[in-house]
PDB file of N, CA and C in Angstrom:
ATOM      1  N   UNK A   1     244.507 148.467   5.330  1.00  0.00           N
ATOM      2  CA  UNK A   1     245.289 149.588   4.849  1.00  0.00           C
ATOM      3  C   UNK A   1     244.866 151.185   5.654  1.00  0.00           C
ATOM      4  N   UNK A   2     243.504 151.361   5.586  1.00  0.00           N
ATOM      5  CA  UNK A   2     243.059 152.577   6.202  1.00  0.00           C
ATOM      6  C   UNK A   2     243.427 152.523   7.687  1.00  0.00           C
ATOM      7  N   UNK A   3     243.582 151.862   8.210  1.00  0.00           N
ATOM      8  CA  UNK A   3     244.052 151.765   9.507  1.00  0.00           C
ATOM      9  C   UNK A   3     245.361 152.339   9.653  1.00  0.00           C
ATOM     10  N   UNK A   4     245.854 151.659   8.660  1.00  0.00           N
ATOM     11  CA  UNK A   4     247.460 151.999   8.629  1.00  0.00           C
ATOM     12  C   UNK A   4     247.694 153.430   8.418  1.00  0.00           C
ATOM     13  N   UNK A   5     247.281 154.262   7.249  1.00  0.00           N
ATOM     14  CA  UNK A   5     246.814 155.285   7.122  1.00  0.00           C
ATOM     15  C   UNK A   5     246.346 156.548   8.195  1.00  0.00           C
ATOM     16  N   UNK A   6     246.165 155.807   9.183  1.00  0.00           N
ATOM     17  CA  UNK A   6     245.364 156.800  10.150  1.00  0.00           C
ATOM     18  C   UNK A   6     245.644 158.244  10.060  1.00  0.00           C
ATOM     19  N   UNK A   7     247.240 157.645  10.624  1.00  0.00           N
ATOM     20  CA  UNK A   7     248.021 159.531  10.602  1.00  0.00           C
ATOM     21  C   UNK A   7     247.996 160.414   9.460  1.00  0.00           C
ATOM     22  N   UNK A   8     247.677 159.366   8.269  1.00  0.00           N
ATOM     23  CA  UNK A   8     248.539 159.811   7.169  1.00  0.00           C
ATOM     24  C   UNK A   8     247.031 160.807   6.528  1.00  0.00           C
ATOM     25  N   UNK A   9     246.125 160.335   6.687  1.00  0.00           N
ATOM     26  CA  UNK A   9     244.884 160.628   6.566  1.00  0.00           C
ATOM     27  C   UNK A   9     243.994 162.281   7.261  1.00  0.00           C
ATOM     28  N   UNK A  10     244.758 162.044   8.138  1.00  0.00           N
ATOM     29  CA  UNK A  10     244.117 162.786   9.545  1.00  0.00           C
ATOM     30  C   UNK A  10     245.401 164.086   9.943  1.00  0.00           C
ATOM     31  N   UNK A  11     246.252 163.954   9.137  1.00  0.00           N
ATOM     32  CA  UNK A  11     247.366 164.679   9.644  1.00  0.00           C
ATOM     33  C   UNK A  11     247.058 166.174   9.139  1.00  0.00           C
ATOM     34  N   UNK A  12     248.403 167.130   9.654  1.00  0.00           N
ATOM     35  CA  UNK A  12     247.628 168.752   9.610  1.00  0.00           C
ATOM     36  C   UNK A  12     248.257 169.016   8.289  1.00  0.00           C
ATOM     37  N   UNK A  13     249.139 168.402   8.027  1.00  0.00           N
ATOM     38  CA  UNK A  13     249.800 168.703   7.001  1.00  0.00           C
ATOM     39  C   UNK A  13     248.896 168.686   5.738  1.00  0.00           C
ATOM     40  N   UNK A  14     248.606 169.366   4.747  1.00  0.00           N
ATOM     41  CA  UNK A  14     247.781 169.315   3.764  1.00  0.00           C
ATOM     42  C   UNK A  14     248.424 168.445   2.556  1.00  0.00           C
ATOM     43  N   UNK A  15     249.927 168.552   2.410  1.00  0.00           N
ATOM     44  CA  UNK A  15     250.660 167.760   1.005  1.00  0.00           C
ATOM     45  C   UNK A  15     250.666 166.049   1.929  1.00  0.00           C
ATOM     46  N   UNK A  16     250.892 165.772   2.949  1.00  0.00           N
ATOM     47  CA  UNK A  16     250.581 164.218   3.376  1.00  0.00           C
ATOM     48  C   UNK A  16     248.908 163.903   3.020  1.00  0.00           C
ATOM     49  N   UNK A  17     248.193 164.811   3.447  1.00  0.00           N
ATOM     50  CA  UNK A  17     246.822 164.424   3.601  1.00  0.00           C
ATOM     51  C   UNK A  17     246.122 163.837   2.395  1.00  0.00           C
ATOM     52  N   UNK A  18     246.742 164.887   1.447  1.00  0.00           N
ATOM     53  CA  UNK A  18     246.524 165.100   0.176  1.00  0.00           C
ATOM     54  C   UNK A  18     246.805 163.847  -0.767  1.00  0.00           C
ATOM     55  N   UNK A  19     248.020 163.265  -0.213  1.00  0.00           N
ATOM     56  CA  UNK A  19     249.080 162.538  -1.022  1.00  0.00           C
ATOM     57  C   UNK A  19     248.365 160.865  -0.447  1.00  0.00           C
ATOM     58  N   UNK A  20     248.231 161.012   0.565  1.00  0.00           N
ATOM     59  CA  UNK A  20     247.220 159.587   1.105  1.00  0.00           C
ATOM     60  C   UNK A  20     245.994 159.318   0.698  1.00  0.00           C
ATOM     61  N   UNK A  21     245.513 159.980   0.697  1.00  0.00           N
ATOM     62  CA  UNK A  21     243.635 160.328   0.302  1.00  0.00           C
ATOM     63  C   UNK A  21     243.467 159.711  -1.393  1.00  0.00           C
ATOM     64  N   UNK A  22     244.651 160.436  -2.317  1.00  0.00           N
ATOM     65  CA  UNK A  22     245.123 159.989  -3.559  1.00  0.00           C
ATOM     66  C   UNK A  22     245.338 158.595  -3.511  1.00  0.00           C
ATOM     67  N   UNK A  23     246.221 158.107  -2.660  1.00  0.00           N
ATOM     68  CA  UNK A  23     246.492 156.922  -3.225  1.00  0.00           C
ATOM     69  C   UNK A  23     245.418 155.938  -2.676  1.00  0.00           C
ATOM     70  N   UNK A  24     245.074 156.117  -1.509  1.00  0.00           N
ATOM     71  CA  UNK A  24     243.643 155.283  -1.189  1.00  0.00           C
ATOM     72  C   UNK A  24     242.476 154.849  -2.566  1.00  0.00           C
ATOM     73  N   UNK A  25     243.030 156.247  -3.067  1.00  0.00           N
ATOM     74  CA  UNK A  25     241.696 156.256  -4.181  1.00  0.00           C
ATOM     75  C   UNK A  25     241.942 155.256  -5.394  1.00  0.00           C
ATOM     76  N   UNK A  26     243.449 155.691  -5.412  1.00  0.00           N
ATOM     77  CA  UNK A  26     243.900 154.759  -6.785  1.00  0.00           C
ATOM     78  C   UNK A  26     244.153 153.058  -6.285  1.00  0.00           C
ATOM     79  N   UNK A  27     244.018 153.115  -5.277  1.00  0.00           N
ATOM     80  CA  UNK A  27     244.331 151.284  -5.077  1.00  0.00           C
ATOM     81  C   UNK A  27     243.060 150.852  -5.448  1.00  0.00           C
ATOM     82  N   UNK A  28     241.711 151.171  -4.845  1.00  0.00           N
ATOM     83  CA  UNK A  28     240.737 151.178  -5.298  1.00  0.00           C
ATOM     84  C   UNK A  28     240.433 149.970  -6.462  1.00  0.00           C
ATOM     85  N   UNK A  29     240.574 150.140  -7.523  1.00  0.00           N
ATOM     86  CA  UNK A  29     240.311 149.564  -8.888  1.00  0.00           C
ATOM     87  C   UNK A  29     241.018 147.972  -8.416  1.00  0.00           C
ATOM     88  N   UNK A  30     242.536 148.196  -7.827  1.00  0.00           N
ATOM     89  CA  UNK A  30     243.245 146.636  -7.931  1.00  0.00           C
ATOM     90  C   UNK A  30     242.464 146.122  -6.673  1.00  0.00           C
ATOM     91  N   UNK A  31     242.001 146.817  -5.897  1.00  0.00           N
ATOM     92  CA  UNK A  31     241.012 145.533  -5.195  1.00  0.00           C
ATOM     93  C   UNK A  31     239.978 145.059  -5.567  1.00  0.00           C
ATOM     94  N   UNK A  32     239.231 145.273  -6.646  1.00  0.00           N
ATOM     95  CA  UNK A  32     238.013 144.658  -7.201  1.00  0.00           C
ATOM     96  C   UNK A  32     237.098 144.132  -6.408  1.00  0.00           C
ATOM     97  N   UNK A  33     236.858 142.972  -6.539  1.00  0.00           N
ATOM     98  CA  UNK A  33     236.015 142.314  -5.862  1.00  0.00           C
ATOM     99  C   UNK A  33     235.568 142.097  -3.917  1.00  0.00           C
ATOM    100  N   UNK A  34     237.411 142.188  -3.594  1.00  0.00           N
ATOM    101  CA  UNK A  34     237.219 142.088  -2.397  1.00  0.00           C
ATOM    102  C   UNK A  34     236.435 143.266  -1.903  1.00  0.00           C
ATOM    103  N   UNK A  35     235.660 144.437  -2.094  1.00  0.00           N
ATOM    104  CA  UNK A  35     235.304 145.378  -1.468  1.00  0.00           C
ATOM    105  C   UNK A  35     233.842 145.346  -1.242  1.00  0.00           C
ATOM    106  N   UNK A  36     233.527 144.860   0.123  1.00  0.00           N
ATOM    107  CA  UNK A  36     231.984 144.333   0.111  1.00  0.00           C
ATOM    108  C   UNK A  36     231.104 145.875  -0.425  1.00  0.00           C
ATOM    109  N   UNK A  37     229.844 145.498   0.191  1.00  0.00           N
ATOM    110  CA  UNK A  37     229.111 146.597  -0.241  1.00  0.00           C
ATOM    111  C   UNK A  37     229.270 147.935   1.224  1.00  0.00           C
ATOM    112  N   UNK A  38     229.103 147.176   2.043  1.00  0.00           N
ATOM    113  CA  UNK A  38     229.385 147.717   3.380  1.00  0.00           C
ATOM    114  C   UNK A  38     230.667 148.723   3.739  1.00  0.00           C
ATOM    115  N   UNK A  39     231.956 147.740   3.002  1.00  0.00           N
ATOM    116  CA  UNK A  39     233.195 148.577   2.594  1.00  0.00           C
ATOM    117  C   UNK A  39     233.356 149.649   1.827  1.00  0.00           C
ATOM    118  N   UNK A  40     232.624 149.618   0.555  1.00  0.00           N
ATOM    119  CA  UNK A  40     232.351 150.604  -0.237  1.00  0.00           C
ATOM    120  C   UNK A  40     231.348 151.575   0.318  1.00  0.00           C
ATOM    121  N   UNK A  41     230.572 151.282   1.180  1.00  0.00           N
ATOM    122  CA  UNK A  41     229.769 152.732   1.562  1.00  0.00           C
ATOM    123  C   UNK A  41     230.598 153.173   2.500  1.00  0.00           C
ATOM    124  N   UNK A  42     231.407 152.576   3.841  1.00  0.00           N
ATOM    125  CA  UNK A  42     232.531 153.638   4.318  1.00  0.00           C
ATOM    126  C   UNK A  42     233.203 154.363   3.903  1.00  0.00           C
ATOM    127  N   UNK A  43     233.816 153.578   2.543  1.00  0.00           N
ATOM    128  CA  UNK A  43     234.559 154.617   1.628  1.00  0.00           C
ATOM    129  C   UNK A  43     234.192 155.554   1.374  1.00  0.00           C
ATOM    130  N   UNK A  44     232.978 155.581   0.563  1.00  0.00           N
ATOM    131  CA  UNK A  44     232.151 156.364   0.211  1.00  0.00           C
ATOM    132  C   UNK A  44     231.672 157.637   0.961  1.00  0.00           C
ATOM    133  N   UNK A  45     231.520 157.385   2.033  1.00  0.00           N
ATOM    134  CA  UNK A  45     231.366 158.253   3.285  1.00  0.00           C
ATOM    135  C   UNK A  45     232.530 158.942   3.390  1.00  0.00           C
ATOM    136  N   UNK A  46     233.300 158.291   3.582  1.00  0.00           N
ATOM    137  CA  UNK A  46     235.195 159.136   4.271  1.00  0.00           C
ATOM    138  C   UNK A  46     235.321 159.992   2.827  1.00  0.00           C
ATOM    139  N   UNK A  47     234.966 159.256   1.422  1.00  0.00           N
ATOM    140  CA  UNK A  47     235.563 160.285   0.727  1.00  0.00           C
ATOM    141  C   UNK A  47     234.834 161.869   0.618  1.00  0.00           C
ATOM    142  N   UNK A  48     233.273 161.335   0.712  1.00  0.00           N
ATOM    143  CA  UNK A  48     232.615 162.482   0.958  1.00  0.00           C
ATOM    144  C   UNK A  48     232.851 163.550   1.785  1.00  0.00           C
ATOM    145  N   UNK A  49     233.350 163.263   2.961  1.00  0.00           N
ATOM    146  CA  UNK A  49     233.524 163.922   3.779  1.00  0.00           C
ATOM    147  C   UNK A  49     234.816 164.353   3.782  1.00  0.00           C
ATOM    148  N   UNK A  50     235.378 164.344   2.511  1.00  0.00           N
ATOM    149  CA  UNK A  50     236.546 165.106   2.532  1.00  0.00           C
ATOM    150  C   UNK A  50     236.238 165.443   1.179  1.00  0.00           C
ATOM    151  N   UNK A  51     235.439 166.164   0.959  1.00  0.00           N
ATOM    152  CA  UNK A  51     235.099 166.872  -0.428  1.00  0.00           C
ATOM    153  C   UNK A  51     235.226 168.608  -0.007  1.00  0.00           C
ATOM    154  N   UNK A  52     235.482 168.478   1.258  1.00  0.00           N
ATOM    155  CA  UNK A  52     235.420 170.614   2.072  1.00  0.00           C
ATOM    156  C   UNK A  52     236.570 170.408   1.679  1.00  0.00           C
ATOM    157  N   UNK A  53     237.570 169.796   1.823  1.00  0.00           N
ATOM    158  CA  UNK A  53     239.642 169.988   1.822  1.00  0.00           C
ATOM    159  C   UNK A  53     239.677 170.118   1.020  1.00  0.00           C
ATOM    160  N   UNK A  54     239.920 171.464   0.552  1.00  0.00           N
ATOM    161  CA  UNK A  54     240.766 171.364  -0.694  1.00  0.00           C
ATOM    162  C   UNK A  54     242.004 170.783  -0.964  1.00  0.00           C
ATOM    163  N   UNK A  55     242.661 170.768  -0.361  1.00  0.00           N
ATOM    164  CA  UNK A  55     243.524 169.544  -0.186  1.00  0.00           C
ATOM    165  C   UNK A  55     243.476 168.260  -0.677  1.00  0.00           C
ATOM    166  N   UNK A  56     242.529 167.906  -0.618  1.00  0.00           N
ATOM    167  CA  UNK A  56     242.459 166.347  -0.716  1.00  0.00           C
ATOM    168  C   UNK A  56     240.984 165.867  -1.681  1.00  0.00           C
ATOM    169  N   UNK A  57     240.795 167.231  -2.573  1.00  0.00           N
ATOM    170  CA  UNK A  57     239.661 166.782  -3.003  1.00  0.00           C
ATOM    171  C   UNK A  57     239.731 165.808  -4.490  1.00  0.00           C
ATOM    172  N   UNK A  58     240.936 166.443  -4.806  1.00  0.00           N
ATOM    173  CA  UNK A  58     241.235 165.126  -6.193  1.00  0.00           C
ATOM    174  C   UNK A  58     241.068 163.633  -6.119  1.00  0.00           C
ATOM    175  N   UNK A  59     241.541 163.436  -4.989  1.00  0.00           N
ATOM    176  CA  UNK A  59     241.726 161.703  -4.416  1.00  0.00           C
ATOM    177  C   UNK A  59     239.952 161.490  -3.906  1.00  0.00           C
ATOM    178  N   UNK A  60     239.287 162.618  -3.213  1.00  0.00           N
ATOM    179  CA  UNK A  60     237.972 162.049  -2.961  1.00  0.00           C
ATOM    180  C   UNK A  60     237.064 162.012  -3.992  1.00  0.00           C
ATOM    181  N   UNK A  61     237.459 163.218  -4.883  1.00  0.00           N
ATOM    182  CA  UNK A  61     236.818 162.752  -6.530  1.00  0.00           C
ATOM    183  C   UNK A  61     237.101 161.622  -6.776  1.00  0.00           C
ATOM    184  N   UNK A  62     237.934 161.159  -7.019  1.00  0.00           N
ATOM    185  CA  UNK A  62     238.590 159.819  -8.169  1.00  0.00           C
ATOM    186  C   UNK A  62     238.194 158.663  -7.310  1.00  0.00           C
ATOM    187  N   UNK A  63     238.156 158.951  -5.706  1.00  0.00           N
ATOM    188  CA  UNK A  63     237.682 157.454  -5.062  1.00  0.00           C
ATOM    189  C   UNK A  63     236.006 157.522  -5.378  1.00  0.00           C
ATOM    190  N   UNK A  64     235.473 159.040  -5.204  1.00  0.00           N
ATOM    191  CA  UNK A  64     233.862 158.549  -5.094  1.00  0.00           C
ATOM    192  C   UNK A  64     233.964 158.300  -6.500  1.00  0.00           C
ATOM    193  N   UNK A  65     234.265 158.590  -7.610  1.00  0.00           N
ATOM    194  CA  UNK A  65     234.171 157.859  -9.321  1.00  0.00           C
ATOM    195  C   UNK A  65     233.762 156.727  -9.525  1.00  0.00           C
ATOM    196  N   UNK A  66     235.417 156.244  -8.640  1.00  0.00           N
ATOM    197  CA  UNK A  66     235.282 154.970  -9.040  1.00  0.00           C
ATOM    198  C   UNK A  66     234.282 154.029  -8.285  1.00  0.00           C
ATOM    199  N   UNK A  67     234.143 154.572  -7.123  1.00  0.00           N
ATOM    200  CA  UNK A  67     232.745 153.271  -6.457  1.00  0.00           C
ATOM    201  C   UNK A  67     231.438 153.724  -7.131  1.00  0.00           C
ATOM    202  N   UNK A  68     231.195 155.020  -7.464  1.00  0.00           N
ATOM    203  CA  UNK A  68     229.880 155.373  -8.386  1.00  0.00           C
ATOM    204  C   UNK A  68     229.945 154.714  -9.088  1.00  0.00           C
ATOM    205  N   UNK A  69     231.038 154.173 -10.228  1.00  0.00           N
ATOM    206  CA  UNK A  69     231.352 153.593 -11.172  1.00  0.00           C
ATOM    207  C   UNK A  69     230.713 152.017 -10.891  1.00  0.00           C
ATOM    208  N   UNK A  70     230.366 151.473  -9.711  1.00  0.00           N
ATOM    209  CA  UNK A  70     230.106 150.107  -9.683  1.00  0.00           C
ATOM    210  C   UNK A  70     228.843 150.034  -9.978  1.00  0.00           C
ATOM    211  N   UNK A  71     228.083 148.912 -10.413  1.00  0.00           N
ATOM    212  CA  UNK A  71     227.188 148.252 -10.704  1.00  0.00           C
ATOM    213  C   UNK A  71     226.479 147.114  -9.933  1.00  0.00           C
ATOM    214  N   UNK A  72     225.442 147.057  -9.419  1.00  0.00           N
ATOM    215  CA  UNK A  72     225.102 145.799  -9.214  1.00  0.00           C
ATOM    216  C   UNK A  72     224.743 144.855 -10.063  1.00  0.00           C
ATOM    217  N   UNK A  73     225.174 143.402  -9.945  1.00  0.00           N
ATOM    218  CA  UNK A  73     225.215 142.632  -8.739  1.00  0.00           C
ATOM    219  C   UNK A  73     226.559 143.216  -8.235  1.00  0.00           C
ATOM    220  N   UNK A  74     227.719 143.688  -8.573  1.00  0.00           N
ATOM    221  CA  UNK A  74     228.782 143.521  -8.093  1.00  0.00           C
ATOM    222  C   UNK A  74     228.760 144.005  -6.664  1.00  0.00           C
ATOM    223  N   UNK A  75     229.823 143.541  -5.717  1.00  0.00           N
ATOM    224  CA  UNK A  75     229.612 143.337  -4.657  1.00  0.00           C
ATOM    225  C   UNK A  75     230.193 145.060  -4.127  1.00  0.00           C
ATOM    226  N   UNK A  76     230.488 145.461  -4.579  1.00  0.00           N
ATOM    227  CA  UNK A  76     231.380 147.227  -4.874  1.00  0.00           C
ATOM    228  C   UNK A  76     230.117 148.075  -4.692  1.00  0.00           C
ATOM    229  N   UNK A  77     229.205 147.663  -5.232  1.00  0.00           N
ATOM    230  CA  UNK A  77     228.401 148.523  -5.770  1.00  0.00           C
ATOM    231  C   UNK A  77     227.718 149.286  -4.140  1.00  0.00           C
ATOM    232  N   UNK A  78     227.705 150.547  -4.906  1.00  0.00           N
ATOM    233  CA  UNK A  78     226.759 151.579  -3.304  1.00  0.00           C
ATOM    234  C   UNK A  78     225.703 150.923  -3.430  1.00  0.00           C
ATOM    235  N   UNK A  79     225.031 151.123  -2.050  1.00  0.00           N
ATOM    236  CA  UNK A  79     223.722 150.844  -1.876  1.00  0.00           C
ATOM    237  C   UNK A  79     222.915 152.364  -2.429  1.00  0.00           C
ATOM    238  N   UNK A  80     221.736 152.663  -2.360  1.00  0.00           N
ATOM    239  CA  UNK A  80     220.861 153.670  -3.073  1.00  0.00           C
ATOM    240  C   UNK A  80     221.080 154.574  -1.957  1.00  0.00           C
ATOM    241  N   UNK A  81     221.233 154.535  -0.828  1.00  0.00           N
ATOM    242  CA  UNK A  81     220.877 155.738   0.282  1.00  0.00           C
ATOM    243  C   UNK A  81     222.544 156.323   0.143  1.00  0.00           C
ATOM    244  N   UNK A  82     223.708 155.365  -0.120  1.00  0.00           N
ATOM    245  CA  UNK A  82     224.964 155.878   0.319  1.00  0.00           C
ATOM    246  C   UNK A  82     225.161 156.777  -1.143  1.00  0.00           C
ATOM    247  N   UNK A  83     224.472 156.309  -2.260  1.00  0.00           N
ATOM    248  CA  UNK A  83     224.922 157.754  -3.486  1.00  0.00           C
ATOM    249  C   UNK A  83     224.060 158.447  -3.491  1.00  0.00           C
ATOM    250  N   UNK A  84     222.708 158.441  -2.704  1.00  0.00           N
ATOM    251  CA  UNK A  84     222.196 159.612  -2.300  1.00  0.00           C
ATOM    252  C   UNK A  84     222.680 160.741  -1.378  1.00  0.00           C
ATOM    253  N   UNK A  85     223.432 159.755  -0.303  1.00  0.00           N
ATOM    254  CA  UNK A  85     224.093 160.547   0.902  1.00  0.00           C
ATOM    255  C   UNK A  85     225.332 161.591  -0.140  1.00  0.00           C
ATOM    256  N   UNK A  86     226.149 160.690  -0.628  1.00  0.00           N
ATOM    257  CA  UNK A  86     227.531 161.370  -1.522  1.00  0.00           C
ATOM    258  C   UNK A  86     227.125 162.207  -2.503  1.00  0.00           C
ATOM    259  N   UNK A  87     225.764 162.030  -3.208  1.00  0.00           N
ATOM    260  CA  UNK A  87     225.856 162.960  -4.066  1.00  0.00           C
ATOM    261  C   UNK A  87     225.139 164.141  -4.027  1.00  0.00           C
ATOM    262  N   UNK A  88     224.764 164.172  -2.398  1.00  0.00           N
ATOM    263  CA  UNK A  88     224.318 165.649  -2.143  1.00  0.00           C
ATOM    264  C   UNK A  88     225.647 166.338  -1.613  1.00  0.00           C
ATOM    265  N   UNK A  89     226.310 165.278  -0.910  1.00  0.00           N
ATOM    266  CA  UNK A  89     228.025 166.324  -0.214  1.00  0.00           C
ATOM    267  C   UNK A  89     228.741 166.587  -1.987  1.00  0.00           C
ATOM    268  N   UNK A  90     228.423 165.904  -3.155  1.00  0.00           N
ATOM    269  CA  UNK A  90     228.797 166.168  -3.950  1.00  0.00           C
ATOM    270  C   UNK A  90     228.714 167.589  -4.654  1.00  0.00           C
ATOM    271  N   UNK A  91     227.597 167.901  -4.560  1.00  0.00           N
ATOM    272  CA  UNK A  91     226.767 169.084  -5.040  1.00  0.00           C
ATOM    273  C   UNK A  91     226.614 170.051  -4.399  1.00  0.00           C
ATOM    274  N   UNK A  92     227.069 169.636  -3.050  1.00  0.00           N
ATOM    275  CA  UNK A  92     226.763 170.733  -1.875  1.00  0.00           C
ATOM    276  C   UNK A  92     227.920 171.409  -1.541  1.00  0.00           C
ATOM    277  N   UNK A  93     229.206 170.363  -1.456  1.00  0.00           N
ATOM    278  CA  UNK A  93     230.712 170.926  -1.086  1.00  0.00           C
ATOM    279  C   UNK A  93     231.865 171.003  -2.605  1.00  0.00           C
ATOM    280  N   UNK A  94     231.496 171.118  -3.847  1.00  0.00           N
ATOM    281  CA  UNK A  94     232.198 170.821  -4.337  1.00  0.00           C
ATOM    282  C   UNK A  94     231.758 172.266  -5.084  1.00  0.00           C
ATOM    283  N   UNK A  95     232.815 172.986  -5.161  1.00  0.00           N
ATOM    284  CA  UNK A  95     232.592 174.593  -6.147  1.00  0.00           C
ATOM    285  C   UNK A  95     233.813 173.969  -7.120  1.00  0.00           C
ATOM    286  N   UNK A  96     232.935 173.906  -8.487  1.00  0.00           N
ATOM    287  CA  UNK A  96     234.069 173.457  -9.359  1.00  0.00           C
ATOM    288  C   UNK A  96     234.581 174.417  -9.981  1.00  0.00           C
ATOM    289  N   UNK A  97     233.896 175.432 -10.467  1.00  0.00           N
ATOM    290  CA  UNK A  97     234.778 176.606 -10.791  1.00  0.00           C
ATOM    291  C   UNK A  97     235.963 177.177 -10.153  1.00  0.00           C
ATOM    292  N   UNK A  98     236.245 177.155  -9.206  1.00  0.00           N
ATOM    293  CA  UNK A  98     237.477 177.119  -7.945  1.00  0.00           C
ATOM    294  C   UNK A  98     238.501 176.472  -8.650  1.00  0.00           C
ATOM    295  N   UNK A  99     238.330 175.127  -8.641  1.00  0.00           N
ATOM    296  CA  UNK A  99     239.202 173.920  -9.248  1.00  0.00           C
ATOM    297  C   UNK A  99     240.304 174.210 -10.429  1.00  0.00           C
ATOM    298  N   UNK A 100     241.353 173.593 -10.858  1.00  0.00           N
ATOM    299  CA  UNK A 100     242.130 172.892 -11.863  1.00  0.00           C
ATOM    300  C   UNK A 100     241.236 172.106 -12.634  1.00  0.00           C
ATOM    301  N   UNK A 101     241.762 172.552 -13.829  1.00  0.00           N
ATOM    302  CA  UNK A 101     240.896 171.837 -14.961  1.00  0.00           C
ATOM    303  C   UNK A 101     241.293 170.373 -14.836  1.00  0.00           C
ATOM    304  N   UNK A 102     242.198 169.972 -14.537  1.00  0.00           N
ATOM    305  CA  UNK A 102     241.921 168.227 -14.288  1.00  0.00           C
ATOM    306  C   UNK A 102     241.221 167.777 -12.975  1.00  0.00           C
ATOM    307  N   UNK A 103     240.966 168.357 -12.055  1.00  0.00           N
ATOM    308  CA  UNK A 103     239.889 168.515 -11.021  1.00  0.00           C
ATOM    309  C   UNK A 103     238.536 168.905 -11.649  1.00  0.00           C
ATOM    310  N   UNK A 104     238.121 169.824 -12.403  1.00  0.00           N
ATOM    311  CA  UNK A 104     236.795 170.090 -12.927  1.00  0.00           C
ATOM    312  C   UNK A 104     236.663 168.677 -14.189  1.00  0.00           C
ATOM    313  N   UNK A 105     237.394 168.147 -14.939  1.00  0.00           N
ATOM    314  CA  UNK A 105     237.138 167.241 -15.472  1.00  0.00           C
ATOM    315  C   UNK A 105     236.908 165.558 -14.875  1.00  0.00           C
ATOM    316  N   UNK A 106     237.522 165.656 -13.811  1.00  0.00           N
ATOM    317  CA  UNK A 106     236.531 164.591 -12.839  1.00  0.00           C
ATOM    318  C   UNK A 106     235.312 164.891 -12.124  1.00  0.00           C
ATOM    319  N   UNK A 107     234.920 166.070 -11.872  1.00  0.00           N
ATOM    320  CA  UNK A 107     233.768 166.986 -11.555  1.00  0.00           C
ATOM    321  C   UNK A 107     232.795 166.642 -12.553  1.00  0.00           C
ATOM    322  N   UNK A 108     232.987 166.639 -13.964  1.00  0.00           N
ATOM    323  CA  UNK A 108     232.219 166.787 -15.297  1.00  0.00           C
ATOM    324  C   UNK A 108     232.478 165.196 -15.074  1.00  0.00           C
ATOM    325  N   UNK A 109     233.321 164.391 -15.345  1.00  0.00           N
ATOM    326  CA  UNK A 109     232.710 162.762 -15.138  1.00  0.00           C
ATOM    327  C   UNK A 109     232.105 162.216 -14.114  1.00  0.00           C
ATOM    328  N   UNK A 110     231.946 162.811 -12.699  1.00  0.00           N
ATOM    329  CA  UNK A 110     231.147 162.543 -11.857  1.00  0.00           C
ATOM    330  C   UNK A 110     229.630 162.673 -11.832  1.00  0.00           C
ATOM    331  N   UNK A 111     229.191 163.977 -12.271  1.00  0.00           N
ATOM    332  CA  UNK A 111     227.676 164.325 -12.682  1.00  0.00           C
ATOM    333  C   UNK A 111     227.407 163.534 -13.888  1.00  0.00           C
ATOM    334  N   UNK A 112     228.586 163.117 -14.847  1.00  0.00           N
ATOM    335  CA  UNK A 112     227.881 161.955 -15.797  1.00  0.00           C
ATOM    336  C   UNK A 112     227.849 160.727 -15.394  1.00  0.00           C
ATOM    337  N   UNK A 113     228.182 160.588 -14.491  1.00  0.00           N
ATOM    338  CA  UNK A 113     228.238 158.981 -13.814  1.00  0.00           C
ATOM    339  C   UNK A 113     227.177 159.146 -13.021  1.00  0.00           C
ATOM    340  N   UNK A 114     226.860 159.975 -12.495  1.00  0.00           N
ATOM    341  CA  UNK A 114     225.826 159.610 -11.844  1.00  0.00           C
ATOM    342  C   UNK A 114     224.079 160.437 -13.137  1.00  0.00           C
ATOM    343  N   UNK A 115     224.425 160.769 -13.561  1.00  0.00           N
ATOM    344  CA  UNK A 115     223.348 161.189 -14.590  1.00  0.00           C
ATOM    345  C   UNK A 115     222.974 159.505 -15.086  1.00  0.00           C
ATOM    346  N   UNK A 116     223.871 159.640 -16.137  1.00  0.00           N
ATOM    347  CA  UNK A 116     223.887 157.931 -16.793  1.00  0.00           C
ATOM    348  C   UNK A 116     223.614 156.574 -15.817  1.00  0.00           C
ATOM    349  N   UNK A 117     224.061 156.735 -14.792  1.00  0.00           N
ATOM    350  CA  UNK A 117     224.264 155.194 -13.715  1.00  0.00           C
ATOM    351  C   UNK A 117     223.129 155.268 -12.644  1.00  0.00           C
ATOM    352  N   UNK A 118     223.071 156.713 -12.364  1.00  0.00           N
ATOM    353  CA  UNK A 118     221.956 156.501 -11.154  1.00  0.00           C
ATOM    354  C   UNK A 118     221.303 157.832 -11.361  1.00  0.00           C
ATOM    355  N   UNK A 119     220.082 157.523 -11.972  1.00  0.00           N
ATOM    356  CA  UNK A 119     219.395 158.808 -12.585  1.00  0.00           C
ATOM    357  C   UNK A 119     218.386 158.740 -11.596  1.00  0.00           C
ATOM    358  N   UNK A 120     218.268 157.809 -10.161  1.00  0.00           N
ATOM    359  CA  UNK A 120     217.132 158.169  -9.251  1.00  0.00           C
ATOM    360  C   UNK A 120     217.104 158.795  -8.363  1.00  0.00           C
ATOM    361  N   UNK A 121     218.808 158.692  -8.264  1.00  0.00           N
ATOM    362  CA  UNK A 121     219.389 160.311  -7.328  1.00  0.00           C
ATOM    363  C   UNK A 121     218.924 161.226  -7.672  1.00  0.00           C
TER     364      UNK A 121
END
């Protein structure tokens, strides 16, 4: 799916890019255990790389939140180093006060998830 959406995920059209990123984040729960740890790590790094792009931030945060909520022994659980890396990106790149309320709520849920489920990070 990601390969098929390559153009939409990298286009200069912010609306198309935002919709493609949001679509990718919204289909993750439907994929369930078909997502391997390696794929989850790749997706998390992709979403983290989109945090600096204001147009895709909602989809990026939603995707990261879903992936961060997965716990071992689930095959979709993120490795510690990936969790650490995306957490750093989240706090470095996301300027919560400049976001609309719906996105601020997603940021709060992500921070809460990190505190509750990944306290070592």
